Amino acid sequence: MTNDAGKGLMITGKPTFCTSALNNAMEDFDDGEKKDQQHINDITPRDFVEWCIDYKQMGVGDDNSWGARPLDKYTLYPGAYKYEFVIMPVRTIP
């Protein structure tokens, strides 16, 4: 991930992991107790990047719209999970 000047950060990890970067805080989308979740087009971008680095994400969909659990192959079960990652500075030529 780099800025307009080509300066930034790179993450590598074992095993392969999930990542997302947004110009918003997660609380902008889900404020907790109130539960007025928002969509990306309903929110004004902020002047920072929130970068989430996750081992994996459990499936968010199901086979119907009535609350069925994700399929087994998309489910993360309770247990000990381990992953490693390294954050390195990078510079690219813009």
C-alpha atoms as a PDB file:
ATOM      1  CA  MET A   1       0.000   0.000   0.000  1.00  0.00           C
ATOM      2  CA  THR A   2       1.572   3.294  -1.083  1.00  0.00           C
ATOM      3  CA  ASN A   3       0.712   6.973  -1.111  1.00  0.00           C
ATOM      4  CA  ASP A   4       0.895   9.302  -4.129  1.00  0.00           C
ATOM      5  CA  ALA A   5       4.636   9.811  -3.512  1.00  0.00           C
ATOM      6  CA  GLY A   6       5.276   6.058  -3.729  1.00  0.00           C
ATOM      7  CA  LYS A   7       6.051   5.593  -0.023  1.00  0.00           C
ATOM      8  CA  GLY A   8       4.219   2.915   1.871  1.00  0.00           C
ATOM      9  CA  LEU A   9       4.075  -0.431   3.592  1.00  0.00           C
ATOM     10  CA  MET A  10       4.003  -4.062   2.477  1.00  0.00           C
ATOM     11  CA  ILE A  11       2.876  -7.025   4.539  1.00  0.00           C
ATOM     12  CA  THR A  12       3.967 -10.610   3.971  1.00  0.00           C
ATOM     13  CA  GLY A  13       2.815 -13.539   6.032  1.00  0.00           C
ATOM     14  CA  LYS A  14       2.572 -17.255   6.676  1.00  0.00           C
ATOM     15  CA  PRO A  15       0.176 -18.738   5.915  1.00  0.00           C
ATOM     16  CA  THR A  16      -1.608 -16.567   3.384  1.00  0.00           C
ATOM     17  CA  PHE A  17      -3.876 -14.164   5.257  1.00  0.00           C
ATOM     18  CA  CYS A  18      -6.730 -11.732   4.644  1.00  0.00           C
ATOM     19  CA  THR A  19      -6.354  -7.964   4.610  1.00  0.00           C
ATOM     20  CA  SER A  20      -8.515  -4.936   3.952  1.00  0.00           C
ATOM     21  CA  ALA A  21      -7.776  -1.223   3.872  1.00  0.00           C
ATOM     22  CA  LEU A  22     -10.432   1.462   4.149  1.00  0.00           C
ATOM     23  CA  ASN A  23     -10.518   5.242   4.540  1.00  0.00           C
ATOM     24  CA  ASN A  24     -12.891   4.708   7.466  1.00  0.00           C
ATOM     25  CA  ALA A  25     -12.944   3.183  10.927  1.00  0.00           C
ATOM     26  CA  MET A  26     -14.808  -0.085  11.392  1.00  0.00           C
ATOM     27  CA  GLU A  27     -17.081   1.778  13.836  1.00  0.00           C
ATOM     28  CA  ASP A  28     -18.306   3.878  10.899  1.00  0.00           C
ATOM     29  CA  PHE A  29     -19.957   0.734   9.513  1.00  0.00           C
ATOM     30  CA  ASP A  30     -21.113  -0.904  12.767  1.00  0.00           C
ATOM     31  CA  ASP A  31     -21.426   1.276  15.842  1.00  0.00           C
ATOM     32  CA  GLY A  32     -21.974  -1.673  18.194  1.00  0.00           C
ATOM     33  CA  GLU A  33     -25.018  -1.624  20.440  1.00  0.00           C
ATOM     34  CA  LYS A  34     -27.135   0.630  18.210  1.00  0.00           C
ATOM     35  CA  LYS A  35     -26.568  -1.629  15.184  1.00  0.00           C
ATOM     36  CA  ASP A  36     -27.206   0.930  12.448  1.00  0.00           C
ATOM     37  CA  GLN A  37     -24.806  -0.674  10.008  1.00  0.00           C
ATOM     38  CA  GLN A  38     -23.924   1.474   7.039  1.00  0.00           C
ATOM     39  CA  HIS A  39     -22.807   0.775   3.469  1.00  0.00           C
ATOM     40  CA  ILE A  40     -19.599   2.169   1.965  1.00  0.00           C
ATOM     41  CA  ASN A  41     -21.549   4.639  -0.194  1.00  0.00           C
ATOM     42  CA  ASP A  42     -23.342   6.032   2.903  1.00  0.00           C
ATOM     43  CA  ILE A  43     -20.129   7.074   4.653  1.00  0.00           C
ATOM     44  CA  THR A  44     -17.770   9.985   4.029  1.00  0.00           C
ATOM     45  CA  PRO A  45     -14.134   8.875   3.702  1.00  0.00           C
ATOM     46  CA  ARG A  46     -11.771  10.065   6.444  1.00  0.00           C
ATOM     47  CA  ASP A  47      -8.180  11.215   6.010  1.00  0.00           C
ATOM     48  CA  PHE A  48      -6.621   8.021   7.422  1.00  0.00           C
ATOM     49  CA  VAL A  49      -6.476   4.376   6.432  1.00  0.00           C
ATOM     50  CA  GLU A  50      -7.586   1.595   8.745  1.00  0.00           C
ATOM     51  CA  TRP A  51      -5.717  -1.532   7.691  1.00  0.00           C
ATOM     52  CA  CYS A  52      -7.039  -4.831   9.042  1.00  0.00           C
ATOM     53  CA  ILE A  53      -4.785  -7.890   8.985  1.00  0.00           C
ATOM     54  CA  ASP A  54      -6.711 -11.089   9.673  1.00  0.00           C
ATOM     55  CA  TYR A  55      -5.680 -14.726   9.703  1.00  0.00           C
ATOM     56  CA  LYS A  56      -8.940 -15.698   8.025  1.00  0.00           C
ATOM     57  CA  GLN A  57     -12.540 -14.615   7.879  1.00  0.00           C
ATOM     58  CA  MET A  58     -15.493 -16.852   8.416  1.00  0.00           C
ATOM     59  CA  GLY A  59     -18.014 -17.044   5.596  1.00  0.00           C
ATOM     60  CA  VAL A  60     -20.534 -14.242   5.779  1.00  0.00           C
ATOM     61  CA  GLY A  61     -23.133 -15.727   3.469  1.00  0.00           C
ATOM     62  CA  ASP A  62     -25.293 -18.777   3.603  1.00  0.00           C
ATOM     63  CA  ASP A  63     -27.585 -20.711   1.338  1.00  0.00           C
ATOM     64  CA  ASN A  64     -30.634 -18.669   2.254  1.00  0.00           C
ATOM     65  CA  SER A  65     -31.495 -15.306   3.766  1.00  0.00           C
ATOM     66  CA  TRP A  66     -33.042 -16.710   6.960  1.00  0.00           C
ATOM     67  CA  GLY A  67     -29.974 -17.018   9.168  1.00  0.00           C
ATOM     68  CA  ALA A  68     -28.521 -20.388   8.188  1.00  0.00           C
ATOM     69  CA  ARG A  69     -24.890 -20.908   9.223  1.00  0.00           C
ATOM     70  CA  PRO A  70     -22.123 -20.780   6.577  1.00  0.00           C
ATOM     71  CA  LEU A  71     -21.154 -24.066   4.951  1.00  0.00           C
ATOM     72  CA  ASP A  72     -18.584 -26.128   6.896  1.00  0.00           C
ATOM     73  CA  LYS A  73     -15.802 -25.322   4.441  1.00  0.00           C
ATOM     74  CA  TYR A  74     -16.312 -21.573   5.170  1.00  0.00           C
ATOM     75  CA  THR A  75     -16.611 -21.901   8.957  1.00  0.00           C
ATOM     76  CA  LEU A  76     -13.872 -21.100  11.488  1.00  0.00           C
ATOM     77  CA  TYR A  77     -14.350 -23.283  14.531  1.00  0.00           C
ATOM     78  CA  PRO A  78     -13.128 -22.393  18.048  1.00  0.00           C
ATOM     79  CA  GLY A  79      -9.514 -23.336  18.568  1.00  0.00           C
ATOM     80  CA  ALA A  80      -5.961 -22.059  18.580  1.00  0.00           C
ATOM     81  CA  TYR A  81      -4.953 -20.361  15.335  1.00  0.00           C
ATOM     82  CA  LYS A  82      -1.499 -19.016  14.559  1.00  0.00           C
ATOM     83  CA  TYR A  83      -0.156 -16.804  11.810  1.00  0.00           C
ATOM     84  CA  GLU A  84       2.825 -14.556  11.375  1.00  0.00           C
ATOM     85  CA  PHE A  85       3.336 -11.413   9.366  1.00  0.00           C
ATOM     86  CA  VAL A  86       6.004  -8.815   8.747  1.00  0.00           C
ATOM     87  CA  ILE A  87       5.375  -5.149   7.915  1.00  0.00           C
ATOM     88  CA  MET A  88       8.073  -3.605   5.735  1.00  0.00           C
ATOM     89  CA  PRO A  89       8.536  -0.091   4.347  1.00  0.00           C
ATOM     90  CA  VAL A  90       8.464   0.162   0.557  1.00  0.00           C
ATOM     91  CA  ARG A  91       9.092   2.860  -1.988  1.00  0.00           C
ATOM     92  CA  THR A  92       7.888   2.682  -5.550  1.00  0.00           C
ATOM     93  CA  ILE A  93       8.506   4.999  -8.459  1.00  0.00           C
ATOM     94  CA  PRO A  94       5.210   6.832  -9.088  1.00  0.00           C
END
